[in-house]
Every structure is written in C-alpha cells, then in structure tokens.
C-alpha cells in the first residue's frame, strides 16, 4: 500500500472516489466543487490534495500550495482506523468535538447540517479504505 496521502495514494483515492456512486454521483447532483487537502495533525500543511468538479475528482496528488476549500487533519492512527471502519454521523461528531478530526479550513457545522454533503463525506472514509 502506498503511504497515506502520497502522490500514488491520492491517485488511487481519486479513482476510488469516482467509482463510488454514493460519493461522486451524489455530489454531482448538488454541483459540488472543492479543493480538499488531507494531512496529519500538527503539520503546517496538508500532504495530499484532491480537486472535485461537479462531484467528480478531476485531479489528485501531493499538496503544492493550492487554495483549499477544506483541509482535514487527524493523526495517522485515526485516519487508518476510519479507513478500516468508517465513522457514522455519531462517530464523526465525536471525532470532531474531541478534536481527533480537525478542519483547518472548511465549515464542519454547515457540512453536517446538509445531508446532501454529510452522507458523501462519511462515504469518503469508506472509499479511503479501498485505496491499495
């Protein structure tokens, strides 16, 4: 398995993202466009980035200074745990309130209040578990 959030890993994540109807198709219905960074808690910048246009991931790789709409951070252990057993809404809320999942950029509250975004966000953790 490629290192989490490496160029190779992010390319695999992009392929899995686009292959998952509950993620790509669901987000295309709301014309979701975002640049999302992923990384580790305590680091100054994310390691990986994925660009999404109308729900489809159109590029992914190593973060290189892109402007982000979302920047998600957690420890490597927590990312690994969530990829193996994706959190539901309750688990996600607990991870956020306990600061195990941090939004360096992006509005967690607005996202979870919109089921059209919350469901696909939760599905993204399951998709992470499919990257080899």
N, C-alpha and C. Protein backbone atom coordinates (compact mmCIF):
# COMPACT_ATOMS: atom_id res chain seq x y z
N UNK A 1 0.84 -1.19 0.00
CA UNK A 1 0.00 0.00 0.00
C UNK A 1 0.89 1.25 0.00
N UNK A 2 0.52 2.20 -0.81
CA UNK A 2 1.25 3.47 -0.86
C UNK A 2 1.07 4.22 0.46
N UNK A 3 2.03 5.08 0.78
CA UNK A 3 1.92 5.88 2.00
C UNK A 3 0.69 6.78 1.93
N UNK A 4 0.00 6.86 3.05
CA UNK A 4 -1.20 7.67 3.15
C UNK A 4 -0.94 9.10 2.69
N UNK A 5 -1.75 9.58 1.76
CA UNK A 5 -1.73 10.93 1.20
C UNK A 5 -0.54 11.22 0.30
N UNK A 6 0.24 10.19 -0.06
CA UNK A 6 1.31 10.38 -1.04
C UNK A 6 0.69 10.59 -2.42
N UNK A 7 1.50 10.98 -3.39
CA UNK A 7 1.04 11.16 -4.77
C UNK A 7 0.32 9.90 -5.26
N UNK A 8 0.96 8.76 -5.08
CA UNK A 8 0.40 7.48 -5.54
C UNK A 8 -0.92 7.17 -4.82
N UNK A 9 -0.93 7.39 -3.51
CA UNK A 9 -2.14 7.11 -2.72
C UNK A 9 -3.28 8.02 -3.17
N UNK A 10 -3.00 9.30 -3.36
CA UNK A 10 -4.04 10.25 -3.76
C UNK A 10 -4.59 9.90 -5.14
N UNK A 11 -3.75 9.41 -6.05
CA UNK A 11 -4.23 8.98 -7.37
C UNK A 11 -5.21 7.81 -7.22
N UNK A 12 -4.88 6.87 -6.33
CA UNK A 12 -5.78 5.75 -6.06
C UNK A 12 -7.08 6.22 -5.42
N UNK A 13 -6.98 7.19 -4.52
CA UNK A 13 -8.16 7.76 -3.86
C UNK A 13 -9.07 8.41 -4.91
N UNK A 14 -8.48 9.12 -5.85
CA UNK A 14 -9.26 9.76 -6.91
C UNK A 14 -10.02 8.71 -7.72
N UNK A 15 -9.36 7.61 -8.07
CA UNK A 15 -10.03 6.56 -8.85
C UNK A 15 -11.18 5.95 -8.05
N UNK A 16 -10.93 5.68 -6.77
CA UNK A 16 -11.98 5.09 -5.93
C UNK A 16 -13.13 6.08 -5.71
N UNK A 17 -12.81 7.35 -5.56
CA UNK A 17 -13.82 8.41 -5.39
C UNK A 17 -14.78 8.37 -6.58
N UNK A 18 -14.22 8.40 -7.78
CA UNK A 18 -15.04 8.46 -8.98
C UNK A 18 -15.83 7.17 -9.23
N UNK A 19 -15.36 6.06 -8.65
CA UNK A 19 -16.04 4.78 -8.83
C UNK A 19 -17.19 4.58 -7.84
N UNK A 20 -17.32 5.46 -6.87
CA UNK A 20 -18.33 5.30 -5.81
C UNK A 20 -19.54 6.21 -6.08
N UNK A 21 -20.67 5.62 -6.50
CA UNK A 21 -21.86 6.44 -6.80
C UNK A 21 -22.36 7.26 -5.60
N UNK A 22 -22.24 6.72 -4.39
CA UNK A 22 -22.72 7.45 -3.22
C UNK A 22 -21.83 8.65 -2.87
N UNK A 23 -20.75 8.77 -3.58
CA UNK A 23 -19.86 9.91 -3.39
C UNK A 23 -19.90 10.80 -4.64
N UNK A 24 -19.35 10.33 -5.73
CA UNK A 24 -19.26 11.16 -6.94
C UNK A 24 -20.63 11.54 -7.49
N UNK A 25 -21.51 10.57 -7.66
CA UNK A 25 -22.82 10.88 -8.23
C UNK A 25 -23.65 11.74 -7.28
N UNK A 26 -23.59 11.43 -5.99
CA UNK A 26 -24.36 12.21 -5.02
C UNK A 26 -23.91 13.66 -5.01
N UNK A 27 -22.60 13.88 -5.08
CA UNK A 27 -22.09 15.25 -5.07
C UNK A 27 -22.32 15.97 -6.40
N UNK A 28 -22.39 15.21 -7.49
CA UNK A 28 -22.66 15.85 -8.77
C UNK A 28 -24.08 16.43 -8.79
N UNK A 29 -25.00 15.82 -8.06
CA UNK A 29 -26.39 16.30 -8.00
C UNK A 29 -26.50 17.68 -7.36
N UNK A 30 -25.51 18.04 -6.54
CA UNK A 30 -25.53 19.38 -5.91
C UNK A 30 -24.43 20.27 -6.47
N UNK A 31 -23.87 19.86 -7.62
CA UNK A 31 -22.82 20.64 -8.29
C UNK A 31 -21.69 20.99 -7.32
N UNK A 32 -21.23 19.98 -6.58
CA UNK A 32 -20.18 20.18 -5.57
C UNK A 32 -18.83 20.38 -6.24
N UNK A 33 -18.19 21.51 -5.93
CA UNK A 33 -16.86 21.84 -6.42
C UNK A 33 -16.00 22.22 -5.22
N UNK A 34 -14.87 21.57 -5.06
CA UNK A 34 -13.99 21.89 -3.93
C UNK A 34 -12.59 21.37 -4.19
N UNK A 35 -11.66 22.02 -3.52
CA UNK A 35 -10.29 21.51 -3.45
C UNK A 35 -10.09 21.14 -1.98
N UNK A 36 -9.78 19.86 -1.76
CA UNK A 36 -9.74 19.30 -0.41
C UNK A 36 -8.34 18.81 -0.09
N UNK A 37 -7.79 19.31 1.00
CA UNK A 37 -6.49 18.86 1.47
C UNK A 37 -6.66 17.84 2.59
N UNK A 38 -5.75 16.89 2.64
CA UNK A 38 -5.72 15.87 3.68
C UNK A 38 -4.33 15.81 4.27
N UNK A 39 -4.27 15.71 5.58
CA UNK A 39 -2.95 15.65 6.19
C UNK A 39 -3.00 15.21 7.63
N UNK A 40 -1.89 15.43 8.30
CA UNK A 40 -1.71 14.96 9.66
C UNK A 40 -1.73 16.11 10.64
N UNK A 41 -2.35 15.86 11.76
CA UNK A 41 -2.45 16.84 12.83
C UNK A 41 -1.06 17.30 13.25
N UNK A 42 -0.91 18.60 13.41
CA UNK A 42 0.36 19.16 13.87
C UNK A 42 1.31 19.59 12.77
N UNK A 43 1.03 19.20 11.53
CA UNK A 43 1.89 19.63 10.42
C UNK A 43 1.38 20.97 9.87
N UNK A 44 2.30 21.77 9.28
CA UNK A 44 1.88 23.11 8.82
C UNK A 44 1.01 23.08 7.57
N UNK A 45 1.09 22.02 6.80
CA UNK A 45 0.29 21.98 5.56
C UNK A 45 -0.17 20.54 5.32
N UNK A 46 -1.21 20.40 4.51
CA UNK A 46 -1.66 19.04 4.19
C UNK A 46 -0.63 18.32 3.33
N UNK A 47 -0.75 17.02 3.26
CA UNK A 47 0.15 16.23 2.42
C UNK A 47 -0.42 15.97 1.03
N UNK A 48 -1.73 15.71 0.99
CA UNK A 48 -2.36 15.39 -0.28
C UNK A 48 -3.51 16.33 -0.57
N UNK A 49 -3.89 16.39 -1.85
CA UNK A 49 -4.99 17.26 -2.26
C UNK A 49 -5.77 16.57 -3.38
N UNK A 50 -7.07 16.79 -3.35
CA UNK A 50 -7.93 16.29 -4.41
C UNK A 50 -8.83 17.43 -4.86
N UNK A 51 -8.97 17.58 -6.16
CA UNK A 51 -9.83 18.64 -6.72
C UNK A 51 -11.07 17.97 -7.29
N UNK A 52 -12.22 18.50 -6.87
CA UNK A 52 -13.50 17.93 -7.26
C UNK A 52 -14.30 18.97 -8.04
N UNK A 53 -14.80 18.57 -9.20
CA UNK A 53 -15.65 19.43 -10.01
C UNK A 53 -16.94 18.68 -10.32
N UNK A 54 -18.06 19.29 -9.95
CA UNK A 54 -19.37 18.65 -10.13
C UNK A 54 -19.38 17.22 -9.60
N UNK A 55 -18.77 17.03 -8.43
CA UNK A 55 -18.77 15.73 -7.75
C UNK A 55 -17.67 14.79 -8.17
N UNK A 56 -17.10 14.98 -9.35
CA UNK A 56 -16.05 14.09 -9.86
C UNK A 56 -14.67 14.61 -9.48
N UNK A 57 -13.82 13.70 -9.01
CA UNK A 57 -12.43 14.06 -8.74
C UNK A 57 -11.73 14.20 -10.09
N UNK A 58 -11.16 15.37 -10.34
CA UNK A 58 -10.53 15.64 -11.63
C UNK A 58 -9.01 15.66 -11.54
N UNK A 59 -8.47 15.82 -10.33
CA UNK A 59 -7.03 15.73 -10.15
C UNK A 59 -6.76 15.43 -8.68
N UNK A 60 -5.61 14.81 -8.44
CA UNK A 60 -5.22 14.47 -7.08
C UNK A 60 -3.71 14.26 -7.04
N UNK A 61 -3.13 14.56 -5.90
CA UNK A 61 -1.69 14.35 -5.76
C UNK A 61 -1.16 14.99 -4.51
N UNK A 62 0.11 15.28 -4.54
CA UNK A 62 0.79 15.91 -3.42
C UNK A 62 0.38 17.38 -3.34
N UNK A 63 0.12 17.86 -2.15
CA UNK A 63 -0.26 19.25 -1.96
C UNK A 63 0.91 20.15 -2.35
N UNK A 64 0.61 21.16 -3.17
CA UNK A 64 1.68 22.09 -3.58
C UNK A 64 1.19 23.54 -3.54
N UNK A 65 0.51 23.90 -2.46
CA UNK A 65 0.14 25.29 -2.27
C UNK A 65 -1.21 25.71 -2.82
N UNK A 66 -2.02 24.76 -3.29
CA UNK A 66 -3.34 25.11 -3.82
C UNK A 66 -4.18 25.80 -2.75
N UNK A 67 -5.08 26.69 -3.19
CA UNK A 67 -6.07 27.26 -2.27
C UNK A 67 -7.07 26.17 -1.96
N UNK A 68 -7.36 25.98 -0.68
CA UNK A 68 -8.22 24.88 -0.24
C UNK A 68 -9.58 25.38 0.23
N UNK A 69 -10.61 24.62 -0.10
CA UNK A 69 -11.93 24.85 0.46
C UNK A 69 -12.10 24.07 1.76
N UNK A 70 -11.38 22.95 1.85
CA UNK A 70 -11.41 22.07 3.02
C UNK A 70 -9.99 21.60 3.28
N UNK A 71 -9.62 21.51 4.53
CA UNK A 71 -8.31 20.99 4.93
C UNK A 71 -8.55 20.14 6.17
N UNK A 72 -8.50 18.83 6.00
CA UNK A 72 -8.83 17.89 7.06
C UNK A 72 -7.56 17.30 7.65
N UNK A 73 -7.51 17.27 8.98
CA UNK A 73 -6.32 16.75 9.65
C UNK A 73 -6.70 15.79 10.76
N UNK A 74 -5.88 14.77 10.93
CA UNK A 74 -6.02 13.81 12.02
C UNK A 74 -4.68 13.10 12.15
N UNK A 75 -4.54 12.31 13.19
CA UNK A 75 -3.32 11.52 13.32
C UNK A 75 -3.35 10.37 12.31
N UNK A 76 -2.20 9.83 12.00
CA UNK A 76 -2.13 8.68 11.08
C UNK A 76 -2.94 7.51 11.63
N UNK A 77 -2.88 7.30 12.94
CA UNK A 77 -3.65 6.21 13.56
C UNK A 77 -5.14 6.40 13.35
N UNK A 78 -5.64 7.62 13.55
CA UNK A 78 -7.07 7.85 13.37
C UNK A 78 -7.48 7.72 11.90
N UNK A 79 -6.68 8.25 10.98
CA UNK A 79 -7.01 8.06 9.56
C UNK A 79 -7.11 6.57 9.25
N UNK A 80 -6.14 5.81 9.72
CA UNK A 80 -6.13 4.36 9.48
C UNK A 80 -7.34 3.67 10.07
N UNK A 81 -7.70 4.05 11.28
CA UNK A 81 -8.87 3.46 11.95
C UNK A 81 -10.14 3.76 11.16
N UNK A 82 -10.30 5.01 10.72
CA UNK A 82 -11.51 5.39 9.99
C UNK A 82 -11.56 4.75 8.61
N UNK A 83 -10.42 4.52 7.99
CA UNK A 83 -10.41 3.86 6.68
C UNK A 83 -10.85 2.39 6.83
N UNK A 84 -10.48 1.76 7.95
CA UNK A 84 -10.88 0.36 8.20
C UNK A 84 -12.34 0.27 8.62
N UNK A 85 -12.77 1.20 9.47
CA UNK A 85 -14.14 1.20 9.97
C UNK A 85 -14.64 2.64 9.92
N UNK A 86 -15.25 3.02 8.78
CA UNK A 86 -15.69 4.40 8.61
C UNK A 86 -16.66 4.85 9.71
N UNK A 87 -16.50 6.07 10.17
CA UNK A 87 -17.40 6.57 11.21
C UNK A 87 -18.78 6.87 10.63
N UNK A 88 -19.80 6.70 11.43
CA UNK A 88 -21.13 7.17 11.06
C UNK A 88 -21.25 8.63 11.50
N UNK A 89 -22.45 9.15 11.45
CA UNK A 89 -22.65 10.55 11.87
C UNK A 89 -22.26 10.77 13.32
N UNK A 90 -22.63 9.83 14.20
CA UNK A 90 -22.31 9.97 15.61
C UNK A 90 -20.80 9.92 15.82
N UNK A 91 -20.14 8.95 15.20
CA UNK A 91 -18.69 8.83 15.33
C UNK A 91 -17.96 10.04 14.77
N UNK A 92 -18.48 10.56 13.67
CA UNK A 92 -17.88 11.75 13.06
C UNK A 92 -18.01 12.94 14.00
N UNK A 93 -19.19 13.11 14.58
CA UNK A 93 -19.41 14.20 15.53
C UNK A 93 -18.49 14.09 16.73
N UNK A 94 -18.32 12.86 17.24
CA UNK A 94 -17.43 12.66 18.39
C UNK A 94 -15.98 12.95 18.00
N UNK A 95 -15.59 12.53 16.80
CA UNK A 95 -14.21 12.79 16.34
C UNK A 95 -13.96 14.29 16.23
N UNK A 96 -14.96 15.02 15.74
CA UNK A 96 -14.81 16.46 15.59
C UNK A 96 -14.78 17.16 16.95
N UNK A 97 -15.72 16.84 17.82
CA UNK A 97 -15.77 17.54 19.12
C UNK A 97 -14.58 17.19 20.00
N UNK A 98 -14.03 15.99 19.85
CA UNK A 98 -12.86 15.61 20.65
C UNK A 98 -11.55 16.04 19.99
N UNK A 99 -11.66 16.71 18.84
CA UNK A 99 -10.51 17.23 18.08
C UNK A 99 -9.63 16.12 17.49
N UNK A 100 -10.21 14.93 17.32
CA UNK A 100 -9.48 13.86 16.62
C UNK A 100 -9.50 14.11 15.11
N UNK A 101 -10.54 14.80 14.66
CA UNK A 101 -10.63 15.24 13.27
C UNK A 101 -10.73 16.76 13.31
N UNK A 102 -9.80 17.40 12.65
CA UNK A 102 -9.76 18.86 12.64
C UNK A 102 -9.98 19.38 11.24
N UNK A 103 -10.75 20.45 11.16
CA UNK A 103 -10.99 21.16 9.91
C UNK A 103 -10.16 22.44 10.00
N UNK A 104 -8.97 22.41 9.40
CA UNK A 104 -8.13 23.61 9.39
C UNK A 104 -8.78 24.67 8.49
N UNK A 105 -9.46 24.21 7.44
CA UNK A 105 -10.23 25.07 6.53
C UNK A 105 -11.54 24.33 6.26
N UNK A 106 -12.63 25.07 6.20
CA UNK A 106 -13.93 24.47 5.91
C UNK A 106 -14.85 24.55 7.11
N UNK A 107 -16.13 24.53 6.84
CA UNK A 107 -17.15 24.69 7.88
C UNK A 107 -17.81 23.35 8.17
N UNK A 108 -17.31 22.67 9.19
CA UNK A 108 -17.86 21.37 9.58
C UNK A 108 -19.34 21.47 9.89
N UNK A 109 -19.73 22.48 10.65
CA UNK A 109 -21.13 22.64 11.06
C UNK A 109 -22.07 22.75 9.87
N UNK A 110 -21.71 23.56 8.90
CA UNK A 110 -22.56 23.72 7.71
C UNK A 110 -22.63 22.41 6.93
N UNK A 111 -21.52 21.69 6.85
CA UNK A 111 -21.48 20.45 6.09
C UNK A 111 -22.38 19.39 6.72
N UNK A 112 -22.30 19.19 8.03
CA UNK A 112 -23.09 18.12 8.65
C UNK A 112 -24.58 18.45 8.71
N UNK A 113 -24.92 19.72 8.61
CA UNK A 113 -26.33 20.10 8.62
C UNK A 113 -26.99 19.87 7.26
N UNK A 114 -26.18 19.63 6.23
CA UNK A 114 -26.71 19.40 4.89
C UNK A 114 -26.52 17.92 4.53
N UNK A 115 -27.58 17.12 4.62
CA UNK A 115 -27.45 15.68 4.35
C UNK A 115 -26.91 15.37 2.95
N UNK A 116 -27.09 16.31 2.02
CA UNK A 116 -26.56 16.09 0.67
C UNK A 116 -25.04 16.11 0.67
N UNK A 117 -24.43 16.73 1.68
CA UNK A 117 -22.97 16.74 1.81
C UNK A 117 -22.50 15.76 2.87
N UNK A 118 -23.24 15.64 3.96
CA UNK A 118 -22.81 14.80 5.09
C UNK A 118 -22.69 13.33 4.69
N UNK A 119 -23.68 12.82 3.97
CA UNK A 119 -23.64 11.41 3.56
C UNK A 119 -22.42 11.10 2.71
N UNK A 120 -22.18 11.87 1.64
CA UNK A 120 -20.98 11.63 0.85
C UNK A 120 -19.69 11.83 1.65
N UNK A 121 -19.66 12.78 2.58
CA UNK A 121 -18.46 12.97 3.39
C UNK A 121 -18.15 11.70 4.18
N UNK A 122 -19.16 11.13 4.79
CA UNK A 122 -18.96 9.89 5.53
C UNK A 122 -18.51 8.77 4.59
N UNK A 123 -19.10 8.71 3.40
CA UNK A 123 -18.73 7.69 2.42
C UNK A 123 -17.27 7.84 2.00
N UNK A 124 -16.74 9.06 2.03
CA UNK A 124 -15.34 9.25 1.62
C UNK A 124 -14.38 8.47 2.50
N UNK A 125 -14.74 8.23 3.76
CA UNK A 125 -13.88 7.45 4.65
C UNK A 125 -13.85 5.98 4.20
N UNK A 126 -15.00 5.45 3.80
CA UNK A 126 -15.04 4.07 3.29
C UNK A 126 -14.21 3.95 2.02
N UNK A 127 -14.28 4.97 1.16
CA UNK A 127 -13.52 4.98 -0.08
C UNK A 127 -12.02 4.97 0.22
N UNK A 128 -11.61 5.68 1.26
CA UNK A 128 -10.18 5.67 1.65
C UNK A 128 -9.71 4.25 1.92
N UNK A 129 -10.58 3.45 2.53
CA UNK A 129 -10.21 2.08 2.85
C UNK A 129 -10.02 1.19 1.65
N UNK A 130 -10.46 1.62 0.48
CA UNK A 130 -10.33 0.82 -0.75
C UNK A 130 -9.04 1.12 -1.51
N UNK A 131 -8.33 2.15 -1.09
CA UNK A 131 -7.09 2.51 -1.80
C UNK A 131 -6.01 1.51 -1.42
N UNK A 132 -5.38 0.94 -2.45
CA UNK A 132 -4.33 -0.04 -2.15
C UNK A 132 -2.96 0.46 -2.57
